[in-house]
Amino acid sequence: MKARPKGEEDLQSFPSGHTSFAFTNAGVLYQEFKDSSPYLAYSGYALATATGGLRIANNSHWFSDVIVSAGIGILVTELVYLFDPIIKWNPFKKVKGINLYPKIDKNHYGVYFKKTF
């Protein structure tokens, strides 16, 4: 944690939440539209870059905050899309009446199994 360029005492400069959120959304936009509409797919990255640049121009973040945040946003999106087929995998897909549901909350992890007769 480090102070913002404005000299404020709050140690909330690293990472830039606005930038990481913008690049996460840009990554989703790219993944969803890369085959059907390239202009739309890449437009998110242009807007996310503008978001990061404006965070620096407004003295809200350092350049390093914005670069790392962009990397975090892109990396998270790529990982989600990489593991998406695994998450949707269901060994009982072809068997009627059987479902598996993952259960994840604050203190518990598990799987619900459902069989209808």
C-alpha atoms as a PDB file:
ATOM      1  CA  MET A   1       0.000   0.000   0.000  1.00  0.00           C
ATOM      2  CA  LYS A   2       1.242   3.447  -0.850  1.00  0.00           C
ATOM      3  CA  ALA A   3      -0.032   6.995  -0.744  1.00  0.00           C
ATOM      4  CA  ARG A   4      -1.706   8.617  -3.728  1.00  0.00           C
ATOM      5  CA  PRO A   5       0.169  11.180  -5.855  1.00  0.00           C
ATOM      6  CA  LYS A   6      -2.034  13.979  -4.498  1.00  0.00           C
ATOM      7  CA  GLY A   7      -0.340  13.508  -1.165  1.00  0.00           C
ATOM      8  CA  GLU A   8      -3.427  12.218   0.609  1.00  0.00           C
ATOM      9  CA  GLU A   9      -2.757  10.178   3.700  1.00  0.00           C
ATOM     10  CA  ASP A  10      -4.986   7.247   2.715  1.00  0.00           C
ATOM     11  CA  LEU A  11      -2.951   4.297   1.562  1.00  0.00           C
ATOM     12  CA  GLN A  12      -5.403   3.272  -1.149  1.00  0.00           C
ATOM     13  CA  SER A  13      -3.346   3.991  -4.248  1.00  0.00           C
ATOM     14  CA  PHE A  14      -2.318   0.458  -5.178  1.00  0.00           C
ATOM     15  CA  PRO A  15      -3.945  -1.144  -7.123  1.00  0.00           C
ATOM     16  CA  SER A  16      -6.324   1.075  -9.075  1.00  0.00           C
ATOM     17  CA  GLY A  17      -9.784  -0.414  -8.662  1.00  0.00           C
ATOM     18  CA  HIS A  18     -11.246   1.681 -11.473  1.00  0.00           C
ATOM     19  CA  THR A  19      -8.579   0.498 -13.912  1.00  0.00           C
ATOM     20  CA  SER A  20      -8.745  -3.174 -12.979  1.00  0.00           C
ATOM     21  CA  PHE A  21     -12.548  -3.114 -13.242  1.00  0.00           C
ATOM     22  CA  ALA A  22     -12.359  -1.362 -16.627  1.00  0.00           C
ATOM     23  CA  PHE A  23      -9.854  -3.883 -18.007  1.00  0.00           C
ATOM     24  CA  THR A  24     -11.855  -6.805 -16.631  1.00  0.00           C
ATOM     25  CA  ASN A  25     -14.914  -5.530 -18.481  1.00  0.00           C
ATOM     26  CA  ALA A  26     -12.823  -4.902 -21.607  1.00  0.00           C
ATOM     27  CA  GLY A  27     -11.584  -8.479 -21.462  1.00  0.00           C
ATOM     28  CA  VAL A  28     -15.131  -9.821 -21.215  1.00  0.00           C
ATOM     29  CA  LEU A  29     -16.215  -7.617 -24.109  1.00  0.00           C
ATOM     30  CA  TYR A  30     -13.292  -8.906 -26.163  1.00  0.00           C
ATOM     31  CA  GLN A  31     -13.985 -12.565 -25.367  1.00  0.00           C
ATOM     32  CA  GLU A  32     -17.675 -12.272 -26.182  1.00  0.00           C
ATOM     33  CA  PHE A  33     -17.377 -10.281 -29.434  1.00  0.00           C
ATOM     34  CA  LYS A  34     -13.957 -11.148 -30.897  1.00  0.00           C
ATOM     35  CA  ASP A  35     -15.457 -13.407 -33.570  1.00  0.00           C
ATOM     36  CA  SER A  36     -18.592 -11.455 -34.454  1.00  0.00           C
ATOM     37  CA  SER A  37     -17.628  -7.774 -34.098  1.00  0.00           C
ATOM     38  CA  PRO A  38     -13.915  -6.896 -33.807  1.00  0.00           C
ATOM     39  CA  TYR A  39     -14.582  -3.156 -33.456  1.00  0.00           C
ATOM     40  CA  LEU A  40     -16.826  -3.758 -30.482  1.00  0.00           C
ATOM     41  CA  ALA A  41     -14.406  -6.318 -29.063  1.00  0.00           C
ATOM     42  CA  TYR A  42     -11.457  -3.901 -29.030  1.00  0.00           C
ATOM     43  CA  SER A  43     -13.446  -0.800 -28.060  1.00  0.00           C
ATOM     44  CA  GLY A  44     -13.425  -1.912 -24.441  1.00  0.00           C
ATOM     45  CA  TYR A  45      -9.646  -1.805 -24.326  1.00  0.00           C
ATOM     46  CA  ALA A  46      -9.651   1.735 -25.718  1.00  0.00           C
ATOM     47  CA  LEU A  47     -12.068   2.872 -23.018  1.00  0.00           C
ATOM     48  CA  ALA A  48     -10.188   1.003 -20.303  1.00  0.00           C
ATOM     49  CA  THR A  49      -6.918   2.623 -21.409  1.00  0.00           C
ATOM     50  CA  ALA A  50      -8.621   6.007 -21.236  1.00  0.00           C
ATOM     51  CA  THR A  51      -9.826   5.174 -17.722  1.00  0.00           C
ATOM     52  CA  GLY A  52      -6.295   4.333 -16.612  1.00  0.00           C
ATOM     53  CA  GLY A  53      -4.870   7.429 -18.277  1.00  0.00           C
ATOM     54  CA  LEU A  54      -7.419   9.662 -16.592  1.00  0.00           C
ATOM     55  CA  ARG A  55      -6.630   8.115 -13.201  1.00  0.00           C
ATOM     56  CA  ILE A  56      -3.009   9.177 -13.729  1.00  0.00           C
ATOM     57  CA  ALA A  57      -3.935  12.609 -15.149  1.00  0.00           C
ATOM     58  CA  ASN A  58      -6.147  13.338 -12.128  1.00  0.00           C
ATOM     59  CA  ASN A  59      -3.275  12.464  -9.756  1.00  0.00           C
ATOM     60  CA  SER A  60      -5.337   9.654  -8.266  1.00  0.00           C
ATOM     61  CA  HIS A  61      -2.828   6.903  -9.087  1.00  0.00           C
ATOM     62  CA  TRP A  62       0.752   6.340 -10.061  1.00  0.00           C
ATOM     63  CA  PHE A  63       1.624   4.859 -13.450  1.00  0.00           C
ATOM     64  CA  SER A  64       2.679   1.605 -11.768  1.00  0.00           C
ATOM     65  CA  ASP A  65      -0.721   1.332 -10.041  1.00  0.00           C
ATOM     66  CA  VAL A  66      -2.530   1.593 -13.365  1.00  0.00           C
ATOM     67  CA  ILE A  67      -0.255  -0.822 -15.268  1.00  0.00           C
ATOM     68  CA  VAL A  68      -0.469  -3.530 -12.609  1.00  0.00           C
ATOM     69  CA  SER A  69      -4.225  -3.042 -12.296  1.00  0.00           C
ATOM     70  CA  ALA A  70      -4.650  -3.427 -16.053  1.00  0.00           C
ATOM     71  CA  GLY A  71      -2.652  -6.648 -15.873  1.00  0.00           C
ATOM     72  CA  ILE A  72      -4.775  -7.929 -12.992  1.00  0.00           C
ATOM     73  CA  GLY A  73      -7.989  -7.214 -14.895  1.00  0.00           C
ATOM     74  CA  ILE A  74      -6.778  -8.905 -18.066  1.00  0.00           C
ATOM     75  CA  LEU A  75      -5.310 -11.887 -16.201  1.00  0.00           C
ATOM     76  CA  VAL A  76      -8.467 -12.533 -14.186  1.00  0.00           C
ATOM     77  CA  THR A  77     -10.634 -12.415 -17.296  1.00  0.00           C
ATOM     78  CA  GLU A  78      -8.320 -14.742 -19.225  1.00  0.00           C
ATOM     79  CA  LEU A  79      -8.298 -17.230 -16.335  1.00  0.00           C
ATOM     80  CA  VAL A  80     -12.079 -17.208 -16.069  1.00  0.00           C
ATOM     81  CA  TYR A  81     -12.473 -17.882 -19.784  1.00  0.00           C
ATOM     82  CA  LEU A  82      -9.724 -20.513 -19.661  1.00  0.00           C
ATOM     83  CA  PHE A  83     -11.433 -22.482 -16.877  1.00  0.00           C
ATOM     84  CA  ASP A  84     -15.008 -21.855 -18.051  1.00  0.00           C
ATOM     85  CA  PRO A  85     -15.322 -25.176 -19.929  1.00  0.00           C
ATOM     86  CA  ILE A  86     -14.073 -27.045 -16.858  1.00  0.00           C
ATOM     87  CA  ILE A  87     -16.531 -25.287 -14.559  1.00  0.00           C
ATOM     88  CA  LYS A  88     -19.442 -26.131 -16.846  1.00  0.00           C
ATOM     89  CA  TRP A  89     -18.350 -29.767 -17.104  1.00  0.00           C
ATOM     90  CA  ASN A  90     -21.025 -32.172 -15.937  1.00  0.00           C
ATOM     91  CA  PRO A  91     -20.380 -35.918 -16.170  1.00  0.00           C
ATOM     92  CA  PHE A  92     -24.124 -36.584 -15.920  1.00  0.00           C
ATOM     93  CA  LYS A  93     -25.097 -34.263 -18.772  1.00  0.00           C
ATOM     94  CA  LYS A  94     -26.401 -37.088 -20.964  1.00  0.00           C
ATOM     95  CA  VAL A  95     -28.199 -38.809 -18.098  1.00  0.00           C
ATOM     96  CA  LYS A  96     -31.670 -37.425 -17.474  1.00  0.00           C
ATOM     97  CA  GLY A  97     -32.677 -36.555 -13.948  1.00  0.00           C
ATOM     98  CA  ILE A  98     -29.189 -36.129 -12.435  1.00  0.00           C
ATOM     99  CA  ASN A  99     -27.651 -32.727 -11.688  1.00  0.00           C
ATOM    100  CA  LEU A 100     -24.542 -31.571  -9.842  1.00  0.00           C
ATOM    101  CA  TYR A 101     -24.335 -28.080  -8.353  1.00  0.00           C
ATOM    102  CA  PRO A 102     -21.226 -26.606  -6.740  1.00  0.00           C
ATOM    103  CA  LYS A 103     -21.765 -24.993  -3.337  1.00  0.00           C
ATOM    104  CA  ILE A 104     -19.300 -22.364  -2.189  1.00  0.00           C
ATOM    105  CA  ASP A 105     -19.849 -19.861   0.589  1.00  0.00           C
ATOM    106  CA  LYS A 106     -17.829 -18.179   3.308  1.00  0.00           C
ATOM    107  CA  ASN A 107     -17.107 -21.284   5.382  1.00  0.00           C
ATOM    108  CA  HIS A 108     -18.151 -24.260   3.248  1.00  0.00           C
ATOM    109  CA  TYR A 109     -17.318 -25.945  -0.037  1.00  0.00           C
ATOM    110  CA  GLY A 110     -19.211 -28.819  -1.498  1.00  0.00           C
ATOM    111  CA  VAL A 111     -21.398 -30.274  -4.192  1.00  0.00           C
ATOM    112  CA  TYR A 112     -25.149 -30.778  -4.283  1.00  0.00           C
ATOM    113  CA  PHE A 113     -26.309 -33.930  -6.015  1.00  0.00           C
ATOM    114  CA  LYS A 114     -29.861 -34.075  -7.303  1.00  0.00           C
ATOM    115  CA  LYS A 115     -31.630 -37.134  -8.701  1.00  0.00           C
ATOM    116  CA  THR A 116     -35.217 -36.918  -9.924  1.00  0.00           C
ATOM    117  CA  PHE A 117     -37.305 -40.038 -10.431  1.00  0.00           C
END
